[in-house]
Amino acid sequence: MSKTRTGFVVALCVLAISAAACGGSGGGSGGSPSPTPTSTQRPSSPAKIAIVSPKSGAVIHGTSLKLVLSLKGARVVKPTTTHIVPTQGHVHVFLDNKIISMTYGLTQTVGGLTPGTHVLQAEFVASDHLPWDPRIIAAVSFTVKS
């Protein structure tokens, strides 16, 4: 492949990645994790998720916290399936934009916290682990002090 053609292919790939990163929508408060690539239009859900605890702006002392979520308009189900029902799914939890759990409940302990400011996100996803359109996400920021 010629040098000019290689440069064109690289530029095209960078443009495609940039466009994908700018796509996606937030269905809740705060920022959202990187979009999950999908090949078809995603279904929507009437669900609303909220982080009850910790509150945004909370100061945490120690290395763990109890995450408490509220989910309305849908329910958490355990089986993973490609049969998508808009009112069923589970929750992906992110700490500083890194997934830390895929949970089938509305409470859990988040451990391994380090001093500093962090962002905690919870996303209600479909039973196939992919996001709804629009995404259903709640986020809070908190500070850990030793």
Protein backbone atom coordinates (compact mmCIF):
# COMPACT_ATOMS: atom_id res chain seq x y z
CA MET A 1 0.00 0.00 0.00
CA SER A 2 1.38 3.44 -0.88
CA LYS A 3 2.32 5.98 1.78
CA THR A 4 -0.49 8.33 0.63
CA ARG A 5 -3.10 5.57 0.72
CA THR A 6 -1.91 4.40 4.17
CA GLY A 7 -2.21 7.97 5.49
CA PHE A 8 -5.74 8.22 4.05
CA VAL A 9 -6.80 4.92 5.69
CA VAL A 10 -5.37 6.04 9.05
CA ALA A 11 -7.15 9.41 8.79
CA LEU A 12 -10.41 7.66 7.89
CA CYS A 13 -10.11 5.34 10.91
CA VAL A 14 -9.43 8.28 13.25
CA LEU A 15 -12.48 10.10 11.85
CA ALA A 16 -14.69 7.01 12.32
CA ILE A 17 -13.51 6.53 15.92
CA SER A 18 -14.07 10.22 16.70
CA ALA A 19 -17.59 10.12 15.25
CA ALA A 20 -18.45 7.01 17.26
CA ALA A 21 -17.16 8.59 20.48
CA CYS A 22 -19.34 11.65 19.95
CA GLY A 23 -22.49 9.61 19.26
CA GLY A 24 -24.71 8.22 21.98
CA SER A 25 -27.00 10.09 24.28
CA GLY A 26 -27.34 10.44 27.99
CA GLY A 27 -30.59 9.19 29.42
CA GLY A 28 -29.84 10.40 32.93
CA SER A 29 -27.72 12.82 34.85
CA GLY A 30 -23.99 13.22 34.50
CA GLY A 31 -21.62 11.92 31.86
CA SER A 32 -21.82 8.55 30.28
CA PRO A 33 -19.37 5.74 29.76
CA SER A 34 -17.98 5.17 26.29
CA PRO A 35 -20.72 4.12 23.88
CA THR A 36 -21.10 0.42 23.19
CA PRO A 37 -20.93 -0.26 19.46
CA THR A 38 -24.09 -1.73 18.00
CA SER A 39 -24.99 -2.69 14.46
CA THR A 40 -28.72 -1.94 14.68
CA GLN A 41 -30.96 0.64 16.26
CA ARG A 42 -31.44 -0.06 19.96
CA PRO A 43 -34.87 -0.18 21.63
CA SER A 44 -35.92 2.33 24.27
CA SER A 45 -37.08 1.69 27.82
CA PRO A 46 -39.39 3.65 30.14
CA ALA A 47 -37.02 2.99 33.05
CA LYS A 48 -35.54 5.71 35.25
CA ILE A 49 -32.55 5.00 37.47
CA ALA A 50 -31.24 7.12 40.35
CA ILE A 51 -28.39 6.83 42.81
CA VAL A 52 -29.93 7.18 46.28
CA SER A 53 -26.63 6.77 48.12
CA PRO A 54 -24.03 8.15 48.09
CA LYS A 55 -25.36 11.65 47.47
CA SER A 56 -23.52 13.83 44.98
CA GLY A 57 -20.84 15.81 46.79
CA ALA A 58 -20.58 13.28 49.64
CA VAL A 59 -17.30 12.89 51.52
CA ILE A 60 -16.43 9.24 52.12
CA HIS A 61 -14.01 8.18 54.85
CA GLY A 62 -12.53 4.76 54.25
CA THR A 63 -12.03 2.55 51.23
CA SER A 64 -15.61 1.46 50.52
CA LEU A 65 -19.15 2.75 50.29
CA LYS A 66 -22.65 1.31 50.06
CA LEU A 67 -24.28 2.00 46.68
CA VAL A 68 -28.08 2.19 46.81
CA LEU A 69 -30.05 2.58 43.59
CA SER A 70 -33.66 3.34 42.75
CA LEU A 71 -35.23 1.92 39.57
CA LYS A 72 -38.68 2.97 38.36
CA GLY A 73 -40.63 1.76 35.34
CA ALA A 74 -38.67 -1.49 35.04
CA ARG A 75 -37.25 -4.36 37.03
CA VAL A 76 -33.93 -6.11 37.34
CA VAL A 77 -33.90 -9.66 35.97
CA LYS A 78 -31.11 -12.23 36.22
CA PRO A 79 -31.14 -14.19 32.97
CA THR A 80 -29.10 -12.87 30.05
CA THR A 81 -31.00 -13.19 26.79
CA THR A 82 -31.28 -11.61 23.38
CA HIS A 83 -35.08 -11.42 23.83
CA ILE A 84 -35.32 -7.75 24.82
CA VAL A 85 -38.19 -6.53 27.01
CA PRO A 86 -38.18 -2.73 27.60
CA THR A 87 -39.06 -3.12 31.28
CA GLN A 88 -36.41 -5.74 32.09
CA GLY A 89 -32.63 -5.61 32.36
CA HIS A 90 -29.81 -5.24 34.85
CA VAL A 91 -27.35 -2.61 36.05
CA HIS A 92 -23.78 -1.84 35.02
CA VAL A 93 -21.82 0.16 37.62
CA PHE A 94 -18.88 2.36 36.61
CA LEU A 95 -16.29 4.09 38.78
CA ASP A 96 -14.38 6.83 36.97
CA ASN A 97 -15.65 5.50 33.60
CA LYS A 98 -14.41 1.95 34.26
CA ILE A 99 -16.95 -0.82 34.69
CA ILE A 100 -16.68 -2.36 38.14
CA SER A 101 -19.75 -4.61 38.21
CA MET A 102 -22.74 -5.98 36.36
CA THR A 103 -25.30 -6.39 39.09
CA TYR A 104 -28.73 -7.95 39.37
CA GLY A 105 -29.68 -5.93 42.44
CA LEU A 106 -30.10 -2.36 43.60
CA THR A 107 -27.55 -2.36 46.43
CA GLN A 108 -23.90 -3.29 46.58
CA THR A 109 -20.64 -2.42 48.29
CA VAL A 110 -18.12 -0.55 46.17
CA GLY A 111 -14.62 -1.15 47.50
CA GLY A 112 -11.06 -0.28 46.63
CA LEU A 113 -11.63 3.46 46.85
CA THR A 114 -8.61 5.74 46.90
CA PRO A 115 -8.34 9.33 48.17
CA GLY A 116 -9.57 11.96 45.72
CA THR A 117 -12.66 12.90 43.75
CA HIS A 118 -14.50 10.13 41.89
CA VAL A 119 -17.53 9.73 39.63
CA LEU A 120 -19.87 6.79 40.20
CA GLN A 121 -22.35 5.86 37.46
CA ALA A 122 -25.13 3.30 37.25
CA GLU A 123 -26.62 2.35 33.89
CA PHE A 124 -29.76 0.28 33.42
CA VAL A 125 -29.08 -1.91 30.38
CA ALA A 126 -31.08 -4.46 28.41
CA SER A 127 -30.87 -8.18 29.07
CA ASP A 128 -28.29 -8.51 26.29
CA HIS A 129 -25.91 -6.18 28.22
CA LEU A 130 -26.25 -3.41 25.63
CA PRO A 131 -27.58 0.10 26.36
CA TRP A 132 -31.04 1.39 25.64
CA ASP A 133 -31.56 4.29 23.25
CA PRO A 134 -31.47 6.75 24.87
CA ARG A 135 -29.13 5.46 27.56
CA ILE A 136 -30.48 5.27 31.12
CA ILE A 137 -27.71 6.51 33.41
CA ALA A 138 -27.41 8.20 36.80
CA ALA A 139 -24.17 9.66 38.13
CA VAL A 140 -22.81 11.25 41.29
CA SER A 141 -19.43 12.63 42.21
CA PHE A 142 -17.95 12.14 45.67
CA THR A 143 -14.66 12.64 47.47
CA VAL A 144 -12.73 10.03 49.42
CA LYS A 145 -10.63 11.28 52.33
CA SER A 146 -8.30 9.04 54.29
